[in-house]
Every structure is written in structure tokens, then in C-alpha cells.
Amino acid sequence: MSFALYAVGTLILIIGVLYICHLVHLPQHWTIALAILLFGGGLMGAVSSTRQRDKSE
């Protein structure tokens, strides 16, 4: 459930940033690169925050 919330939040963030990029007429290749970076960062944040800790440690 927590991973899904992170994923939805990241998706909303990416959509908002892409809309702003469109409004300021940022070139498409920069917009795509920014979306890829935001997706990767959101995925890493979601995985690190929701993963189960190893009980043997």
C-alpha cells in the first residue's frame, strides 16, 4: 500500500512538472529527460522507504 502511494505521488509530481515545462515552452528533449529523472528518483525513494528490513541484522 505504501509503495502505491509513493507511485501515485510521483506520477502526480511528474505530470505537474511536465505541464509546467509545456507552459514555459521547454524543448521536448529536456522535458523527457526531466521526466525520466523524476521517475527514477521517485522509484528509488519508494523502494527505499517501503522495503522490508532483514531481520537477521
Protein backbone atom coordinates (compact mmCIF):
# COMPACT_ATOMS: atom_id res chain seq x y z
CA MET A 1 0.00 0.00 0.00
CA SER A 2 2.76 2.47 0.87
CA PHE A 3 4.54 1.75 -2.41
CA ALA A 4 1.34 2.52 -4.31
CA LEU A 5 1.02 5.87 -2.52
CA TYR A 6 4.62 6.75 -3.41
CA ALA A 7 3.97 5.72 -7.03
CA VAL A 8 0.81 7.83 -7.29
CA GLY A 9 2.53 10.81 -5.68
CA THR A 10 5.47 10.51 -8.05
CA LEU A 11 3.12 10.28 -11.02
CA ILE A 12 1.27 13.43 -9.93
CA LEU A 13 4.59 15.23 -9.48
CA ILE A 14 5.80 14.19 -12.94
CA ILE A 15 2.54 15.29 -14.58
CA GLY A 16 2.73 18.67 -12.85
CA VAL A 17 6.34 19.25 -13.84
CA LEU A 18 5.64 18.21 -17.43
CA TYR A 19 2.73 20.65 -17.58
CA ILE A 20 4.93 23.46 -16.30
CA CYS A 21 7.59 22.55 -18.87
CA HIS A 22 4.93 22.76 -21.56
CA LEU A 23 3.77 26.17 -20.33
CA VAL A 24 7.28 27.64 -20.41
CA HIS A 25 7.99 26.08 -23.84
CA LEU A 26 10.90 23.95 -22.67
CA PRO A 27 12.29 21.84 -25.53
CA GLN A 28 10.83 18.33 -25.68
CA HIS A 29 14.14 16.50 -25.19
CA TRP A 30 14.72 18.36 -21.90
CA THR A 31 11.18 17.62 -20.79
CA ILE A 32 11.60 13.89 -21.48
CA ALA A 33 14.96 13.82 -19.69
CA LEU A 34 13.44 15.55 -16.66
CA ALA A 35 10.53 13.08 -16.59
CA ILE A 36 12.94 10.13 -16.68
CA LEU A 37 14.99 11.58 -13.82
CA LEU A 38 11.90 12.26 -11.71
CA PHE A 39 10.60 8.75 -12.35
CA GLY A 40 13.91 7.19 -11.33
CA GLY A 41 14.14 9.31 -8.20
CA GLY A 42 10.57 8.52 -7.23
CA LEU A 43 11.13 4.81 -7.77
CA MET A 44 14.30 4.80 -5.68
CA GLY A 45 12.57 6.74 -2.90
CA ALA A 46 9.57 4.42 -2.91
CA VAL A 47 11.67 1.27 -2.80
CA SER A 48 13.98 2.52 -0.06
CA SER A 49 11.06 3.71 2.09
CA THR A 50 8.85 0.66 1.73
CA ARG A 51 11.29 -2.27 1.63
CA GLN A 52 11.29 -4.75 4.48
CA ARG A 53 14.37 -4.77 6.67
CA ASP A 54 16.31 -8.02 7.01
CA LYS A 55 15.52 -9.47 10.44
CA SER A 56 18.91 -11.20 10.72
CA GLU A 57 20.75 -7.89 11.01
